């Protein structure tokens, strides 16, 4: 089972580093993260959370 807490921390760090929104998702029991603009087929994903860095417009 993936470590959700670890994935959440990395997703938040990634959003802050890149200064873009990132989405943490689960698919087939695995957790992944992509920049939000790269998500194509959101119907196949269970979105866990979207992280938006402070000051992002």
N, C-alpha and C. Protein backbone atom coordinates (compact mmCIF):
# COMPACT_ATOMS: atom_id res chain seq x y z
N UNK A 1 0.85 -1.19 0.00
CA UNK A 1 0.00 0.00 0.00
C UNK A 1 0.89 1.24 0.00
N UNK A 2 0.61 2.17 -0.89
CA UNK A 2 1.42 3.38 -0.96
C UNK A 2 1.27 4.23 0.30
N UNK A 3 2.31 4.97 0.62
CA UNK A 3 2.30 5.84 1.78
C UNK A 3 1.69 7.19 1.38
N UNK A 4 0.40 7.37 1.70
CA UNK A 4 -0.31 8.57 1.30
C UNK A 4 0.30 9.82 1.92
N UNK A 5 0.72 9.75 3.18
CA UNK A 5 1.30 10.92 3.84
C UNK A 5 2.58 11.37 3.13
N UNK A 6 3.41 10.43 2.76
CA UNK A 6 4.64 10.75 2.04
C UNK A 6 4.32 11.37 0.68
N UNK A 7 3.36 10.80 -0.02
CA UNK A 7 2.96 11.32 -1.32
C UNK A 7 2.40 12.73 -1.20
N UNK A 8 1.60 13.00 -0.18
CA UNK A 8 1.05 14.33 0.02
C UNK A 8 2.16 15.35 0.27
N UNK A 9 3.13 14.99 1.09
CA UNK A 9 4.24 15.91 1.36
C UNK A 9 5.04 16.21 0.09
N UNK A 10 5.30 15.19 -0.70
CA UNK A 10 6.05 15.40 -1.94
C UNK A 10 5.25 16.22 -2.94
N UNK A 11 3.96 16.00 -3.02
CA UNK A 11 3.12 16.77 -3.94
C UNK A 11 3.11 18.25 -3.55
N UNK A 12 2.99 18.53 -2.28
CA UNK A 12 3.00 19.91 -1.81
C UNK A 12 4.35 20.56 -2.10
N UNK A 13 5.44 19.85 -1.84
CA UNK A 13 6.77 20.37 -2.14
C UNK A 13 6.94 20.64 -3.64
N UNK A 14 6.44 19.73 -4.46
CA UNK A 14 6.53 19.90 -5.90
C UNK A 14 5.78 21.14 -6.36
N UNK A 15 4.58 21.34 -5.84
CA UNK A 15 3.79 22.52 -6.20
C UNK A 15 4.53 23.80 -5.83
N UNK A 16 5.12 23.81 -4.65
CA UNK A 16 5.85 24.99 -4.18
C UNK A 16 7.12 25.22 -5.00
N UNK A 17 7.80 24.15 -5.36
CA UNK A 17 9.05 24.28 -6.13
C UNK A 17 8.78 24.75 -7.55
N UNK A 18 7.80 24.12 -8.21
CA UNK A 18 7.49 24.47 -9.59
C UNK A 18 6.61 25.71 -9.71
N UNK A 19 5.95 26.07 -8.60
CA UNK A 19 5.00 27.19 -8.57
C UNK A 19 3.87 27.00 -9.58
N UNK A 20 3.37 25.76 -9.66
CA UNK A 20 2.22 25.42 -10.49
C UNK A 20 1.33 24.47 -9.69
N UNK A 21 0.04 24.42 -9.97
CA UNK A 21 -0.83 23.46 -9.31
C UNK A 21 -0.46 22.03 -9.70
N UNK A 22 -0.46 21.13 -8.73
CA UNK A 22 -0.23 19.72 -9.00
C UNK A 22 -1.39 18.92 -8.41
N UNK A 23 -1.68 17.79 -9.01
CA UNK A 23 -2.77 16.94 -8.57
C UNK A 23 -2.23 15.60 -8.11
N UNK A 24 -2.64 15.21 -6.92
CA UNK A 24 -2.31 13.91 -6.37
C UNK A 24 -3.50 13.00 -6.68
N UNK A 25 -3.22 11.85 -7.29
CA UNK A 25 -4.32 10.98 -7.71
C UNK A 25 -3.99 9.53 -7.39
N UNK A 26 -5.02 8.70 -7.43
CA UNK A 26 -4.87 7.26 -7.24
C UNK A 26 -5.51 6.55 -8.42
N UNK A 27 -4.82 5.54 -8.91
CA UNK A 27 -5.35 4.71 -9.99
C UNK A 27 -4.82 3.30 -9.79
N UNK A 28 -5.72 2.35 -9.80
CA UNK A 28 -5.37 0.93 -9.63
C UNK A 28 -4.53 0.69 -8.38
N UNK A 29 -4.85 1.38 -7.30
CA UNK A 29 -4.15 1.18 -6.03
C UNK A 29 -2.80 1.85 -5.93
N UNK A 30 -2.42 2.60 -6.94
CA UNK A 30 -1.15 3.32 -6.94
C UNK A 30 -1.41 4.81 -6.86
N UNK A 31 -0.48 5.53 -6.25
CA UNK A 31 -0.60 6.98 -6.11
C UNK A 31 0.37 7.64 -7.07
N UNK A 32 -0.08 8.71 -7.69
CA UNK A 32 0.77 9.47 -8.61
C UNK A 32 0.53 10.95 -8.46
N UNK A 33 1.41 11.72 -9.03
CA UNK A 33 1.26 13.18 -9.01
C UNK A 33 1.71 13.72 -10.36
N UNK A 34 0.93 14.66 -10.88
CA UNK A 34 1.24 15.34 -12.13
C UNK A 34 0.91 16.82 -11.97
N UNK A 35 1.54 17.64 -12.78
CA UNK A 35 1.07 19.01 -12.82
C UNK A 35 -0.36 18.96 -13.33
N UNK A 36 -1.21 19.79 -12.78
CA UNK A 36 -2.65 19.71 -13.06
C UNK A 36 -2.97 19.89 -14.54
N UNK A 37 -2.17 20.68 -15.25
CA UNK A 37 -2.46 20.89 -16.67
C UNK A 37 -2.10 19.69 -17.54
N UNK A 38 -1.41 18.69 -16.99
CA UNK A 38 -1.04 17.49 -17.74
C UNK A 38 -2.09 16.38 -17.64
N UNK A 39 -3.08 16.53 -16.78
CA UNK A 39 -4.10 15.49 -16.62
C UNK A 39 -5.03 15.49 -17.82
N UNK A 40 -5.14 14.34 -18.47
CA UNK A 40 -6.00 14.22 -19.65
C UNK A 40 -7.32 13.54 -19.32
N UNK A 41 -7.25 12.34 -18.79
CA UNK A 41 -8.45 11.53 -18.57
C UNK A 41 -8.75 11.44 -17.09
N UNK A 42 -9.35 12.50 -16.55
CA UNK A 42 -9.64 12.54 -15.12
C UNK A 42 -10.71 11.53 -14.72
N UNK A 43 -11.47 11.01 -15.67
CA UNK A 43 -12.50 10.03 -15.34
C UNK A 43 -11.90 8.71 -14.86
N UNK A 44 -10.69 8.40 -15.32
CA UNK A 44 -10.05 7.14 -14.94
C UNK A 44 -9.32 7.25 -13.60
N UNK A 45 -9.22 8.47 -13.08
CA UNK A 45 -8.45 8.72 -11.86
C UNK A 45 -9.36 9.03 -10.68
N UNK A 46 -8.90 8.65 -9.51
CA UNK A 46 -9.53 9.12 -8.28
C UNK A 46 -8.64 10.23 -7.75
N UNK A 47 -9.09 11.47 -7.91
CA UNK A 47 -8.29 12.61 -7.47
C UNK A 47 -8.35 12.69 -5.95
N UNK A 48 -7.17 12.71 -5.34
CA UNK A 48 -7.06 12.77 -3.89
C UNK A 48 -7.05 14.23 -3.45
N UNK A 49 -6.24 15.05 -4.12
CA UNK A 49 -6.16 16.47 -3.74
C UNK A 49 -5.40 17.23 -4.81
N UNK A 50 -5.76 18.50 -4.97
CA UNK A 50 -4.99 19.40 -5.83
C UNK A 50 -4.29 20.40 -4.95
N UNK A 51 -3.00 20.56 -5.15
CA UNK A 51 -2.19 21.50 -4.39
C UNK A 51 -1.89 22.71 -5.25
N UNK A 52 -2.24 23.88 -4.75
CA UNK A 52 -2.01 25.13 -5.48
C UNK A 52 -1.08 25.97 -4.61
N UNK A 53 0.08 26.34 -5.15
CA UNK A 53 1.03 27.11 -4.34
C UNK A 53 0.49 28.50 -4.01
N UNK A 54 0.88 29.00 -2.86
CA UNK A 54 0.47 30.34 -2.44
C UNK A 54 0.96 31.35 -3.47
N UNK A 55 0.10 32.29 -3.80
CA UNK A 55 0.47 33.33 -4.75
C UNK A 55 0.25 32.95 -6.19
N UNK A 56 -0.20 31.70 -6.47
CA UNK A 56 -0.46 31.29 -7.84
C UNK A 56 -1.77 31.91 -8.30
N UNK A 57 -1.75 32.46 -9.51
CA UNK A 57 -2.97 33.10 -10.04
C UNK A 57 -3.38 32.44 -11.30
